[in-house]
Amino acid sequence: MPVIKQIDKSKIILKNGEELPYKMAMLIPPFEGTQVMQAGPKLEDDKGFVETDGPYKHITYKMFIAGQAVKVVPPFQANVTPFGMLKTGYPSDVTGKIN
């Protein structure tokens, strides 16, 4: 994962020397999951997200339901720069509709 060395008014400079020009940038630290998830059995991936099936049930532990910000949402396209999906209120909305 690229590490930021410096942020100027018009570019972000990475430690590897790469420069990313921008007019507007939003930098959000990566999600790390919660301590309770990290302390239990391996429920999340290496980024702290839970892989689920369609109705938000854990793919291995079917009695465990994950929703909201912890569900894995794959990126919509491959990209050289690592990024995650923006978490709107949509996962919470879907979770609230599960019977």
C-alpha atoms as a PDB file:
ATOM      1  CA  MET A   1       0.000   0.000   0.000  1.00  0.00           C
ATOM      2  CA  PRO A   2       1.439   3.402  -0.924  1.00  0.00           C
ATOM      3  CA  VAL A   3       2.606   5.536   1.962  1.00  0.00           C
ATOM      4  CA  ILE A   4       2.151   9.298   1.845  1.00  0.00           C
ATOM      5  CA  LYS A   5       5.292  11.338   2.384  1.00  0.00           C
ATOM      6  CA  GLN A   6       3.904  14.829   1.854  1.00  0.00           C
ATOM      7  CA  ILE A   7       0.774  16.687   0.752  1.00  0.00           C
ATOM      8  CA  ASP A   8       1.213  19.918  -1.193  1.00  0.00           C
ATOM      9  CA  LYS A   9      -1.475  22.299  -2.476  1.00  0.00           C
ATOM     10  CA  SER A  10      -1.742  20.502  -5.822  1.00  0.00           C
ATOM     11  CA  LYS A  11      -0.143  17.068  -5.397  1.00  0.00           C
ATOM     12  CA  ILE A  12       0.326  14.169  -3.009  1.00  0.00           C
ATOM     13  CA  ILE A  13       3.873  12.830  -2.871  1.00  0.00           C
ATOM     14  CA  LEU A  14       4.317   9.162  -1.977  1.00  0.00           C
ATOM     15  CA  LYS A  15       7.394   7.732  -0.235  1.00  0.00           C
ATOM     16  CA  ASN A  16       8.315   5.882  -3.445  1.00  0.00           C
ATOM     17  CA  GLY A  17       8.599   9.267  -5.217  1.00  0.00           C
ATOM     18  CA  GLU A  18       5.354   8.984  -7.190  1.00  0.00           C
ATOM     19  CA  GLU A  19       3.385  12.232  -7.382  1.00  0.00           C
ATOM     20  CA  LEU A  20      -0.407  12.277  -7.578  1.00  0.00           C
ATOM     21  CA  PRO A  21      -1.745  15.623  -8.848  1.00  0.00           C
ATOM     22  CA  TYR A  22      -5.164  16.701  -7.609  1.00  0.00           C
ATOM     23  CA  LYS A  23      -7.593  19.592  -7.499  1.00  0.00           C
ATOM     24  CA  MET A  24      -9.651  18.053  -4.702  1.00  0.00           C
ATOM     25  CA  ALA A  25      -8.612  15.054  -2.622  1.00  0.00           C
ATOM     26  CA  MET A  26     -10.255  13.144   0.197  1.00  0.00           C
ATOM     27  CA  LEU A  27      -7.991  10.851   2.189  1.00  0.00           C
ATOM     28  CA  ILE A  28      -9.588   8.346   4.539  1.00  0.00           C
ATOM     29  CA  PRO A  29      -7.546   5.929   6.683  1.00  0.00           C
ATOM     30  CA  PRO A  30      -8.176   2.236   6.018  1.00  0.00           C
ATOM     31  CA  PHE A  31     -10.817   0.415   8.028  1.00  0.00           C
ATOM     32  CA  GLU A  32      -9.229  -1.912  10.573  1.00  0.00           C
ATOM     33  CA  GLY A  33     -12.244  -3.677  12.035  1.00  0.00           C
ATOM     34  CA  THR A  34     -13.133  -3.789  15.692  1.00  0.00           C
ATOM     35  CA  GLN A  35     -11.304  -5.311  18.654  1.00  0.00           C
ATOM     36  CA  VAL A  36     -14.150  -7.729  19.346  1.00  0.00           C
ATOM     37  CA  MET A  37     -13.898  -9.088  15.789  1.00  0.00           C
ATOM     38  CA  GLN A  38     -10.110  -9.331  15.991  1.00  0.00           C
ATOM     39  CA  ALA A  39     -10.254 -11.179  19.335  1.00  0.00           C
ATOM     40  CA  GLY A  40     -12.727 -13.844  18.222  1.00  0.00           C
ATOM     41  CA  PRO A  41     -12.479 -16.635  15.669  1.00  0.00           C
ATOM     42  CA  LYS A  42     -11.330 -15.578  12.211  1.00  0.00           C
ATOM     43  CA  LEU A  43     -14.536 -13.908  10.998  1.00  0.00           C
ATOM     44  CA  GLU A  44     -13.060 -11.072   8.932  1.00  0.00           C
ATOM     45  CA  ASP A  45     -10.561 -10.768   6.084  1.00  0.00           C
ATOM     46  CA  ASP A  46      -7.100  -9.209   6.410  1.00  0.00           C
ATOM     47  CA  LYS A  47      -8.645  -5.725   6.128  1.00  0.00           C
ATOM     48  CA  GLY A  48     -11.232  -6.257   8.884  1.00  0.00           C
ATOM     49  CA  PHE A  49     -14.250  -6.804   6.625  1.00  0.00           C
ATOM     50  CA  VAL A  50     -16.642  -9.771   6.805  1.00  0.00           C
ATOM     51  CA  GLU A  51     -17.277 -11.833   3.672  1.00  0.00           C
ATOM     52  CA  THR A  52     -20.968 -12.656   3.450  1.00  0.00           C
ATOM     53  CA  ASP A  53     -23.460 -14.282   1.141  1.00  0.00           C
ATOM     54  CA  GLY A  54     -26.450 -12.440  -0.344  1.00  0.00           C
ATOM     55  CA  PRO A  55     -28.458 -12.008   2.890  1.00  0.00           C
ATOM     56  CA  TYR A  56     -25.420 -10.794   4.876  1.00  0.00           C
ATOM     57  CA  LYS A  57     -24.763 -14.145   6.561  1.00  0.00           C
ATOM     58  CA  HIS A  58     -21.127 -15.093   7.138  1.00  0.00           C
ATOM     59  CA  ILE A  59     -19.981 -17.510   4.426  1.00  0.00           C
ATOM     60  CA  THR A  60     -18.865 -20.120   7.014  1.00  0.00           C
ATOM     61  CA  TYR A  61     -20.776 -19.289  10.225  1.00  0.00           C
ATOM     62  CA  LYS A  62     -24.381 -18.956   8.988  1.00  0.00           C
ATOM     63  CA  MET A  63     -25.686 -17.793  12.396  1.00  0.00           C
ATOM     64  CA  PHE A  64     -23.411 -14.746  12.208  1.00  0.00           C
ATOM     65  CA  ILE A  65     -24.957 -11.821  10.313  1.00  0.00           C
ATOM     66  CA  ALA A  66     -22.786  -8.860   9.344  1.00  0.00           C
ATOM     67  CA  GLY A  67     -24.053  -5.617   7.990  1.00  0.00           C
ATOM     68  CA  GLN A  68     -23.391  -1.947   7.729  1.00  0.00           C
ATOM     69  CA  ALA A  69     -19.735  -0.933   7.498  1.00  0.00           C
ATOM     70  CA  VAL A  70     -18.166  -4.360   8.123  1.00  0.00           C
ATOM     71  CA  LYS A  71     -19.458  -6.158   5.014  1.00  0.00           C
ATOM     72  CA  VAL A  72     -17.003  -6.724   2.166  1.00  0.00           C
ATOM     73  CA  VAL A  73     -17.984  -4.570  -0.804  1.00  0.00           C
ATOM     74  CA  PRO A  74     -15.680  -5.399  -3.717  1.00  0.00           C
ATOM     75  CA  PRO A  75     -14.356  -2.511  -5.842  1.00  0.00           C
ATOM     76  CA  PHE A  76     -16.312  -1.912  -9.030  1.00  0.00           C
ATOM     77  CA  GLN A  77     -13.125  -1.942 -11.135  1.00  0.00           C
ATOM     78  CA  ALA A  78      -9.490  -2.993 -10.837  1.00  0.00           C
ATOM     79  CA  ASN A  79      -7.095  -0.123 -10.204  1.00  0.00           C
ATOM     80  CA  VAL A  80      -3.365   0.306  -9.583  1.00  0.00           C
ATOM     81  CA  THR A  81      -4.063   2.605  -6.632  1.00  0.00           C
ATOM     82  CA  PRO A  82      -5.667   0.678  -3.732  1.00  0.00           C
ATOM     83  CA  PHE A  83      -9.098   1.933  -2.836  1.00  0.00           C
ATOM     84  CA  GLY A  84     -12.210   0.705  -1.113  1.00  0.00           C
ATOM     85  CA  MET A  85     -15.839   1.294  -1.819  1.00  0.00           C
ATOM     86  CA  LEU A  86     -17.349   4.383  -0.297  1.00  0.00           C
ATOM     87  CA  LYS A  87     -19.647   3.323   2.529  1.00  0.00           C
ATOM     88  CA  THR A  88     -22.898   5.216   2.231  1.00  0.00           C
ATOM     89  CA  GLY A  89     -25.947   4.332   4.290  1.00  0.00           C
ATOM     90  CA  TYR A  90     -26.890   1.652   1.756  1.00  0.00           C
ATOM     91  CA  PRO A  91     -25.535  -1.385   3.695  1.00  0.00           C
ATOM     92  CA  SER A  92     -27.440  -0.221   6.800  1.00  0.00           C
ATOM     93  CA  ASP A  93     -30.588   0.176   4.745  1.00  0.00           C
ATOM     94  CA  VAL A  94     -30.270  -3.325   3.306  1.00  0.00           C
ATOM     95  CA  THR A  95     -29.463  -4.803   6.733  1.00  0.00           C
ATOM     96  CA  GLY A  96     -32.608  -3.277   8.193  1.00  0.00           C
ATOM     97  CA  LYS A  97     -34.718  -5.081   5.586  1.00  0.00           C
ATOM     98  CA  ILE A  98     -33.418  -8.587   6.425  1.00  0.00           C
ATOM     99  CA  ASN A  99     -36.033 -10.781   8.103  1.00  0.00           C
END
